[in-house]
């Protein structure tokens, strides 16, 4: 089994900080994390910081966008921070508006 290339921690304010790489190889783990982030049942907002993500591919972007569309308008998906690498990829793919 391949090593996990990303990790998640939650700060005191409730923001989830993703770190590492998000690619097609991590989709199952990313999907599991996103589903678990809703388990409390009363969340009105989920904040995901991508400030420490060094790489994201289109498969992971598609999953994040699909998750956002699935939970909204009941739950707002907020991304308060992006790494320069993620911002560049969003710009090149033309997906910044779809995710932010």
Protein backbone atom coordinates (compact mmCIF):
# COMPACT_ATOMS: atom_id res chain seq x y z
CA UNK A 1 0.00 0.00 0.00
CA UNK A 2 1.33 3.45 -0.91
CA UNK A 3 2.24 5.97 1.76
CA UNK A 4 -0.25 8.71 2.51
CA UNK A 5 0.95 11.95 0.91
CA UNK A 6 -1.24 14.35 2.84
CA UNK A 7 -2.35 14.98 6.38
CA UNK A 8 -5.09 16.98 8.07
CA UNK A 9 -5.14 18.79 11.38
CA UNK A 10 -7.85 20.95 12.89
CA UNK A 11 -7.06 24.15 14.76
CA UNK A 12 -8.92 25.64 17.75
CA UNK A 13 -11.13 27.70 15.46
CA UNK A 14 -12.26 24.57 13.63
CA UNK A 15 -10.37 25.14 10.38
CA UNK A 16 -9.01 21.99 8.78
CA UNK A 17 -5.44 22.43 7.52
CA UNK A 18 -4.52 20.07 4.69
CA UNK A 19 -0.82 19.52 4.11
CA UNK A 20 1.10 17.67 1.42
CA UNK A 21 -0.16 16.55 -1.98
CA UNK A 22 -3.70 15.95 -3.16
CA UNK A 23 -3.83 13.76 -6.22
CA UNK A 24 -5.79 10.90 -7.70
CA UNK A 25 -3.80 8.58 -5.41
CA UNK A 26 -5.28 10.23 -2.30
CA UNK A 27 -8.89 10.53 -3.50
CA UNK A 28 -10.29 7.77 -1.28
CA UNK A 29 -8.68 9.27 1.81
CA UNK A 30 -9.70 12.81 0.83
CA UNK A 31 -13.29 11.66 0.23
CA UNK A 32 -13.36 9.86 3.60
CA UNK A 33 -12.07 12.99 5.34
CA UNK A 34 -14.66 15.22 3.64
CA UNK A 35 -17.49 12.87 4.61
CA UNK A 36 -16.26 12.72 8.22
CA UNK A 37 -16.13 16.52 8.37
CA UNK A 38 -19.93 16.45 8.13
CA UNK A 39 -20.52 13.86 10.85
CA UNK A 40 -21.33 16.37 13.59
CA UNK A 41 -24.54 17.09 11.72
CA UNK A 42 -24.89 20.71 12.81
CA UNK A 43 -22.03 22.28 10.84
CA UNK A 44 -22.98 25.42 9.00
CA UNK A 45 -19.52 25.93 7.58
CA UNK A 46 -16.46 23.82 6.85
CA UNK A 47 -13.20 25.71 6.49
CA UNK A 48 -10.38 24.00 4.57
CA UNK A 49 -7.00 25.70 4.44
CA UNK A 50 -4.92 24.65 1.45
CA UNK A 51 -2.00 26.90 2.43
CA UNK A 52 0.27 23.89 3.01
CA UNK A 53 -0.74 21.90 -0.06
CA UNK A 54 2.19 21.72 -2.47
CA UNK A 55 0.33 20.02 -5.31
CA UNK A 56 -3.25 19.35 -6.31
CA UNK A 57 -4.35 17.59 -9.49
CA UNK A 58 -7.59 17.88 -11.43
CA UNK A 59 -9.04 14.73 -9.83
CA UNK A 60 -8.70 16.23 -6.34
CA UNK A 61 -10.03 19.57 -7.58
CA UNK A 62 -13.05 17.83 -9.08
CA UNK A 63 -13.71 16.06 -5.79
CA UNK A 64 -13.54 19.32 -3.82
CA UNK A 65 -15.84 21.09 -6.28
CA UNK A 66 -18.31 18.17 -6.27
CA UNK A 67 -18.27 18.15 -2.46
CA UNK A 68 -18.91 21.90 -2.38
CA UNK A 69 -21.87 21.55 -4.75
CA UNK A 70 -23.22 18.61 -2.76
CA UNK A 71 -23.19 20.32 0.67
CA UNK A 72 -24.24 23.83 -0.35
CA UNK A 73 -26.47 25.67 0.42
CA UNK A 74 -26.90 23.79 3.72
CA UNK A 75 -23.19 23.88 4.59
CA UNK A 76 -20.79 26.52 3.30
CA UNK A 77 -17.39 25.25 2.18
CA UNK A 78 -14.89 28.02 2.82
CA UNK A 79 -11.24 27.98 1.76
CA UNK A 80 -9.52 30.74 3.73
CA UNK A 81 -5.99 30.15 2.40
CA UNK A 82 -4.27 28.72 -0.66
CA UNK A 83 -0.65 27.93 -1.32
CA UNK A 84 0.93 29.68 -4.32
CA UNK A 85 1.09 26.29 -6.09
CA UNK A 86 -2.64 25.62 -5.61
CA UNK A 87 -3.53 29.15 -6.65
CA UNK A 88 -1.49 28.76 -9.85
CA UNK A 89 -3.17 25.44 -10.66
CA UNK A 90 -6.64 26.89 -10.05
CA UNK A 91 -5.79 29.81 -12.33
CA UNK A 92 -4.42 27.56 -15.09
CA UNK A 93 -7.47 25.26 -14.91
CA UNK A 94 -9.90 28.17 -14.74
CA UNK A 95 -11.47 26.67 -11.60
CA UNK A 96 -10.82 29.36 -9.01
CA UNK A 97 -14.36 30.72 -9.17
CA UNK A 98 -15.85 27.22 -8.95
CA UNK A 99 -13.98 26.41 -5.74
CA UNK A 100 -13.75 29.73 -3.94
